[in-house]
Amino acid sequence: MKFDTRAILSGLHFLESPRWHNGRVWVSDIYGRRVQSAAEDGRDLRVEAGFDGLPSGLAGLPTTRC
């Protein structure tokens, strides 16, 4: 089996818990103190939430947006 492995996000701090949701990849940027999402190809990077503390991990339920 052959996999396509390539970086789609760069220039961020320390990413954790990538999750796919609604056609976007969501990540915790721990030292950037935010949760971000991007299109599948890495474009359209959005800050979805900012934190005073260090966000760690992501979880979601079928009834939640993320």
Protein backbone atom coordinates (compact mmCIF):
# COMPACT_ATOMS: atom_id res chain seq x y z
CA MET A 1 0.00 0.00 0.00
CA LYS A 2 1.33 3.44 -0.93
CA PHE A 3 0.48 6.58 1.06
CA ASP A 4 0.71 10.21 -0.01
CA THR A 5 2.61 11.89 2.84
CA ARG A 6 3.27 15.59 2.68
CA ALA A 7 3.19 18.57 5.01
CA ILE A 8 0.12 20.73 4.60
CA LEU A 9 0.79 23.15 7.49
CA SER A 10 4.04 24.90 8.36
CA GLY A 11 5.28 27.85 10.36
CA LEU A 12 3.21 26.93 13.41
CA HIS A 13 4.42 26.16 16.92
CA PHE A 14 3.65 22.72 18.36
CA LEU A 15 0.66 20.92 16.85
CA GLU A 16 -1.33 18.14 18.47
CA SER A 17 -4.44 16.06 17.80
CA PRO A 18 -5.16 16.61 14.12
CA ARG A 19 -8.81 15.89 13.32
CA TRP A 20 -10.75 16.02 10.05
CA HIS A 21 -14.13 17.75 10.29
CA ASN A 22 -16.31 19.22 7.54
CA GLY A 23 -13.52 18.99 4.95
CA ARG A 24 -10.95 20.78 7.13
CA VAL A 25 -8.09 19.65 9.34
CA TRP A 26 -8.28 21.01 12.92
CA VAL A 27 -5.27 21.13 15.26
CA SER A 28 -4.33 22.37 18.71
CA ASP A 29 -1.33 24.70 18.42
CA ILE A 30 -0.20 24.29 22.02
CA TYR A 31 2.52 26.95 22.24
CA GLY A 32 0.65 29.21 19.80
CA ARG A 33 -2.21 29.06 22.35
CA ARG A 34 -4.92 28.51 19.77
CA VAL A 35 -6.98 26.00 17.83
CA GLN A 36 -6.68 26.36 14.07
CA SER A 37 -8.25 24.80 11.02
CA ALA A 38 -7.23 24.68 7.37
CA ALA A 39 -8.52 23.38 4.07
CA GLU A 40 -7.32 19.93 3.03
CA ASP A 41 -4.47 21.45 1.00
CA GLY A 42 -3.33 23.70 3.90
CA ARG A 43 -4.79 26.91 2.51
CA ASP A 44 -7.35 29.09 4.26
CA LEU A 45 -5.73 28.77 7.70
CA ARG A 46 -8.14 30.05 10.35
CA VAL A 47 -7.74 30.71 14.06
CA GLU A 48 -10.86 29.10 15.49
CA ALA A 49 -10.19 29.86 19.18
CA GLY A 50 -7.49 31.52 21.28
CA PHE A 51 -6.54 30.66 24.86
CA ASP A 52 -4.65 32.20 27.78
CA GLY A 53 -3.53 28.70 28.74
CA LEU A 54 -2.11 25.91 26.61
CA PRO A 55 -4.76 24.00 24.62
CA SER A 56 -4.03 20.30 24.51
CA GLY A 57 -5.92 17.88 22.32
CA LEU A 58 -9.25 18.05 20.55
CA ALA A 59 -12.41 16.05 20.93
CA GLY A 60 -15.73 16.20 19.20
CA LEU A 61 -19.18 14.74 19.25
CA PRO A 62 -21.51 14.20 16.29
CA THR A 63 -23.61 17.11 17.57
CA THR A 64 -20.72 19.58 17.92
CA ARG A 65 -18.95 21.71 15.34
CA CYS A 66 -15.55 20.41 16.41
